[in-house]
Amino acid sequence: MGCPYCGETIKVLIDSTDIDQQYIEDCQVCCKPINFLVSESMDGEVSVNVY
């Protein structure tokens, strides 16, 4: 994924048991905080929104 601040591609491990959870992790390149929101659709598809 790309950092919303610096645009660098970074790798992030997402735990699929974190459904409907929001957490913050710092970018490994620019150290700015990235907000992750893990959610699941009605059909069971897991998605991650980054902002």
PDB file of N, CA and C in Angstrom:
ATOM      1  N   MET A   1       0.831  -1.168   0.000  1.00  0.00           N
ATOM      2  CA  MET A   1       0.000   0.000   0.000  1.00  0.00           C
ATOM      3  C   MET A   1       0.877   1.233   0.000  1.00  0.00           C
ATOM      4  N   GLY A   2       0.317   2.350  -0.363  1.00  0.00           N
ATOM      5  CA  GLY A   2       1.065   3.598  -0.369  1.00  0.00           C
ATOM      6  C   GLY A   2       0.711   4.458   0.828  1.00  0.00           C
ATOM      7  N   CYS A   3       1.713   5.043   1.429  1.00  0.00           N
ATOM      8  CA  CYS A   3       1.490   5.951   2.556  1.00  0.00           C
ATOM      9  C   CYS A   3       0.705   7.162   2.058  1.00  0.00           C
ATOM     10  N   PRO A   4      -0.357   7.567   2.767  1.00  0.00           N
ATOM     11  CA  PRO A   4      -1.135   8.730   2.329  1.00  0.00           C
ATOM     12  C   PRO A   4      -0.383  10.054   2.491  1.00  0.00           C
ATOM     13  N   TYR A   5       0.742  10.050   3.186  1.00  0.00           N
ATOM     14  CA  TYR A   5       1.513  11.276   3.407  1.00  0.00           C
ATOM     15  C   TYR A   5       2.683  11.406   2.436  1.00  0.00           C
ATOM     16  N   CYS A   6       3.553  10.384   2.398  1.00  0.00           N
ATOM     17  CA  CYS A   6       4.760  10.495   1.580  1.00  0.00           C
ATOM     18  C   CYS A   6       4.664   9.734   0.264  1.00  0.00           C
ATOM     19  N   GLY A   7       3.660   8.854   0.118  1.00  0.00           N
ATOM     20  CA  GLY A   7       3.459   8.128  -1.125  1.00  0.00           C
ATOM     21  C   GLY A   7       4.321   6.895  -1.298  1.00  0.00           C
ATOM     22  N   GLU A   8       5.235   6.649  -0.377  1.00  0.00           N
ATOM     23  CA  GLU A   8       6.093   5.474  -0.472  1.00  0.00           C
ATOM     24  C   GLU A   8       5.270   4.199  -0.285  1.00  0.00           C
ATOM     25  N   THR A   9       5.656   3.161  -1.001  1.00  0.00           N
ATOM     26  CA  THR A   9       5.013   1.861  -0.851  1.00  0.00           C
ATOM     27  C   THR A   9       5.565   1.196   0.404  1.00  0.00           C
ATOM     28  N   ILE A  10       4.658   0.779   1.281  1.00  0.00           N
ATOM     29  CA  ILE A  10       5.057   0.122   2.521  1.00  0.00           C
ATOM     30  C   ILE A  10       4.258  -1.166   2.677  1.00  0.00           C
ATOM     31  N   LYS A  11       4.792  -2.081   3.471  1.00  0.00           N
ATOM     32  CA  LYS A  11       4.097  -3.333   3.758  1.00  0.00           C
ATOM     33  C   LYS A  11       3.524  -3.262   5.163  1.00  0.00           C
ATOM     34  N   VAL A  12       2.269  -3.676   5.276  1.00  0.00           N
ATOM     35  CA  VAL A  12       1.582  -3.667   6.563  1.00  0.00           C
ATOM     36  C   VAL A  12       0.871  -5.002   6.717  1.00  0.00           C
ATOM     37  N   LEU A  13       1.041  -5.634   7.866  1.00  0.00           N
ATOM     38  CA  LEU A  13       0.330  -6.878   8.146  1.00  0.00           C
ATOM     39  C   LEU A  13      -1.010  -6.547   8.783  1.00  0.00           C
ATOM     40  N   ILE A  14      -2.075  -7.065   8.192  1.00  0.00           N
ATOM     41  CA  ILE A  14      -3.427  -6.838   8.699  1.00  0.00           C
ATOM     42  C   ILE A  14      -3.952  -8.151   9.257  1.00  0.00           C
ATOM     43  N   ASP A  15      -4.391  -8.137  10.491  1.00  0.00           N
ATOM     44  CA  ASP A  15      -4.965  -9.316  11.130  1.00  0.00           C
ATOM     45  C   ASP A  15      -6.450  -9.368  10.787  1.00  0.00           C
ATOM     46  N   SER A  16      -6.876 -10.432  10.125  1.00  0.00           N
ATOM     47  CA  SER A  16      -8.273 -10.540   9.690  1.00  0.00           C
ATOM     48  C   SER A  16      -9.245 -10.666  10.861  1.00  0.00           C
ATOM     49  N   THR A  17      -8.752 -10.876  12.062  1.00  0.00           N
ATOM     50  CA  THR A  17      -9.640 -10.927  13.231  1.00  0.00           C
ATOM     51  C   THR A  17      -9.915  -9.530  13.782  1.00  0.00           C
ATOM     52  N   ASP A  18      -9.313  -8.515  13.174  1.00  0.00           N
ATOM     53  CA  ASP A  18      -9.511  -7.127  13.613  1.00  0.00           C
ATOM     54  C   ASP A  18     -10.706  -6.468  12.933  1.00  0.00           C
ATOM     55  N   ILE A  19     -11.713  -7.243  12.560  1.00  0.00           N
ATOM     56  CA  ILE A  19     -12.884  -6.716  11.869  1.00  0.00           C
ATOM     57  C   ILE A  19     -13.549  -5.636  12.727  1.00  0.00           C
ATOM     58  N   ASP A  20     -13.948  -4.554  12.059  1.00  0.00           N
ATOM     59  CA  ASP A  20     -14.595  -3.409  12.698  1.00  0.00           C
ATOM     60  C   ASP A  20     -13.712  -2.751  13.755  1.00  0.00           C
ATOM     61  N   GLN A  21     -12.410  -2.806  13.529  1.00  0.00           N
ATOM     62  CA  GLN A  21     -11.461  -2.161  14.424  1.00  0.00           C
ATOM     63  C   GLN A  21     -10.732  -1.046  13.688  1.00  0.00           C
ATOM     64  N   GLN A  22     -10.347  -0.049  14.408  1.00  0.00           N
ATOM     65  CA  GLN A  22      -9.549   1.041  13.859  1.00  0.00           C
ATOM     66  C   GLN A  22      -8.259   1.109  14.659  1.00  0.00           C
ATOM     67  N   TYR A  23      -7.140   1.238  13.960  1.00  0.00           N
ATOM     68  CA  TYR A  23      -5.887   1.385  14.677  1.00  0.00           C
ATOM     69  C   TYR A  23      -4.934   2.277  13.903  1.00  0.00           C
ATOM     70  N   ILE A  24      -3.881   2.720  14.574  1.00  0.00           N
ATOM     71  CA  ILE A  24      -2.908   3.642  13.994  1.00  0.00           C
ATOM     72  C   ILE A  24      -1.541   2.978  13.997  1.00  0.00           C
ATOM     73  N   GLU A  25      -0.852   3.092  12.869  1.00  0.00           N
ATOM     74  CA  GLU A  25       0.511   2.584  12.756  1.00  0.00           C
ATOM     75  C   GLU A  25       1.335   3.638  12.031  1.00  0.00           C
ATOM     76  N   ASP A  26       2.544   3.886  12.499  1.00  0.00           N
ATOM     77  CA  ASP A  26       3.400   4.883  11.866  1.00  0.00           C
ATOM     78  C   ASP A  26       3.979   4.357  10.559  1.00  0.00           C
ATOM     79  N   CYS A  27       4.085   5.247   9.570  1.00  0.00           N
ATOM     80  CA  CYS A  27       4.725   4.915   8.298  1.00  0.00           C
ATOM     81  C   CYS A  27       6.185   4.568   8.578  1.00  0.00           C
ATOM     82  N   GLN A  28       6.689   3.508   7.949  1.00  0.00           N
ATOM     83  CA  GLN A  28       8.064   3.081   8.161  1.00  0.00           C
ATOM     84  C   GLN A  28       9.063   4.016   7.495  1.00  0.00           C
ATOM     85  N   VAL A  29       8.585   4.892   6.601  1.00  0.00           N
ATOM     86  CA  VAL A  29       9.475   5.793   5.871  1.00  0.00           C
ATOM     87  C   VAL A  29       9.456   7.200   6.472  1.00  0.00           C
ATOM     88  N   CYS A  30       8.258   7.817   6.581  1.00  0.00           N
ATOM     89  CA  CYS A  30       8.177   9.209   7.045  1.00  0.00           C
ATOM     90  C   CYS A  30       7.753   9.333   8.509  1.00  0.00           C
ATOM     91  N   CYS A  31       7.382   8.222   9.133  1.00  0.00           N
ATOM     92  CA  CYS A  31       7.016   8.160  10.559  1.00  0.00           C
ATOM     93  C   CYS A  31       5.717   8.886  10.909  1.00  0.00           C
ATOM     94  N   LYS A  32       4.928   9.285   9.923  1.00  0.00           N
ATOM     95  CA  LYS A  32       3.640   9.920  10.229  1.00  0.00           C
ATOM     96  C   LYS A  32       2.602   8.834  10.533  1.00  0.00           C
ATOM     97  N   PRO A  33       1.613   9.144  11.371  1.00  0.00           N
ATOM     98  CA  PRO A  33       0.618   8.140  11.762  1.00  0.00           C
ATOM     99  C   PRO A  33      -0.398   7.871  10.650  1.00  0.00           C
ATOM    100  N   ILE A  34      -0.616   6.588  10.365  1.00  0.00           N
ATOM    101  CA  ILE A  34      -1.597   6.171   9.361  1.00  0.00           C
ATOM    102  C   ILE A  34      -2.740   5.486  10.098  1.00  0.00           C
ATOM    103  N   ASN A  35      -3.966   5.921   9.834  1.00  0.00           N
ATOM    104  CA  ASN A  35      -5.161   5.319  10.432  1.00  0.00           C
ATOM    105  C   ASN A  35      -5.671   4.207   9.534  1.00  0.00           C
ATOM    106  N   PHE A  36      -5.902   3.044  10.114  1.00  0.00           N
ATOM    107  CA  PHE A  36      -6.440   1.898   9.396  1.00  0.00           C
ATOM    108  C   PHE A  36      -7.806   1.555   9.975  1.00  0.00           C
ATOM    109  N   LEU A  37      -8.773   1.318   9.108  1.00  0.00           N
ATOM    110  CA  LEU A  37     -10.092   0.867   9.525  1.00  0.00           C
ATOM    111  C   LEU A  37     -10.386  -0.429   8.784  1.00  0.00           C
ATOM    112  N   VAL A  38     -10.478  -1.532   9.532  1.00  0.00           N
ATOM    113  CA  VAL A  38     -10.730  -2.853   8.958  1.00  0.00           C
ATOM    114  C   VAL A  38     -12.215  -3.137   9.087  1.00  0.00           C
ATOM    115  N   SER A  39     -12.860  -3.481   7.963  1.00  0.00           N
ATOM    116  CA  SER A  39     -14.297  -3.767   7.999  1.00  0.00           C
ATOM    117  C   SER A  39     -14.612  -4.961   7.111  1.00  0.00           C
ATOM    118  N   GLU A  40     -15.803  -5.494   7.298  1.00  0.00           N
ATOM    119  CA  GLU A  40     -16.263  -6.651   6.530  1.00  0.00           C
ATOM    120  C   GLU A  40     -17.622  -6.326   5.926  1.00  0.00           C
ATOM    121  N   SER A  41     -17.778  -6.615   4.637  1.00  0.00           N
ATOM    122  CA  SER A  41     -19.048  -6.363   3.959  1.00  0.00           C
ATOM    123  C   SER A  41     -20.033  -7.484   4.270  1.00  0.00           C
ATOM    124  N   MET A  42     -21.269  -7.301   3.843  1.00  0.00           N
ATOM    125  CA  MET A  42     -22.316  -8.306   4.077  1.00  0.00           C
ATOM    126  C   MET A  42     -21.976  -9.655   3.446  1.00  0.00           C
ATOM    127  N   ASP A  43     -21.217  -9.634   2.339  1.00  0.00           N
ATOM    128  CA  ASP A  43     -20.866 -10.888   1.668  1.00  0.00           C
ATOM    129  C   ASP A  43     -19.570 -11.501   2.205  1.00  0.00           C
ATOM    130  N   GLY A  44     -19.018 -10.929   3.284  1.00  0.00           N
ATOM    131  CA  GLY A  44     -17.849 -11.505   3.935  1.00  0.00           C
ATOM    132  C   GLY A  44     -16.507 -11.001   3.435  1.00  0.00           C
ATOM    133  N   GLU A  45     -16.513 -10.040   2.525  1.00  0.00           N
ATOM    134  CA  GLU A  45     -15.261  -9.505   1.996  1.00  0.00           C
ATOM    135  C   GLU A  45     -14.661  -8.503   2.984  1.00  0.00           C
ATOM    136  N   VAL A  46     -13.391  -8.695   3.306  1.00  0.00           N
ATOM    137  CA  VAL A  46     -12.696  -7.812   4.239  1.00  0.00           C
ATOM    138  C   VAL A  46     -12.059  -6.669   3.458  1.00  0.00           C
ATOM    139  N   SER A  47     -12.212  -5.449   3.974  1.00  0.00           N
ATOM    140  CA  SER A  47     -11.586  -4.292   3.334  1.00  0.00           C
ATOM    141  C   SER A  47     -10.858  -3.468   4.391  1.00  0.00           C
ATOM    142  N   VAL A  48      -9.848  -2.743   3.924  1.00  0.00           N
ATOM    143  CA  VAL A  48      -9.068  -1.877   4.804  1.00  0.00           C
ATOM    144  C   VAL A  48      -9.076  -0.482   4.205  1.00  0.00           C
ATOM    145  N   ASN A  49      -9.563   0.481   4.960  1.00  0.00           N
ATOM    146  CA  ASN A  49      -9.528   1.883   4.544  1.00  0.00           C
ATOM    147  C   ASN A  49      -8.374   2.553   5.264  1.00  0.00           C
ATOM    148  N   VAL A  50      -7.622   3.349   4.512  1.00  0.00           N
ATOM    149  CA  VAL A  50      -6.446   4.025   5.046  1.00  0.00           C
ATOM    150  C   VAL A  50      -6.636   5.519   4.884  1.00  0.00           C
ATOM    151  N   TYR A  51      -6.374   6.249   5.953  1.00  0.00           N
ATOM    152  CA  TYR A  51      -6.450   7.707   5.880  1.00  0.00           C
ATOM    153  C   TYR A  51      -5.553   8.337   6.913  1.00  0.00           C
TER     154      TYR A  51
END
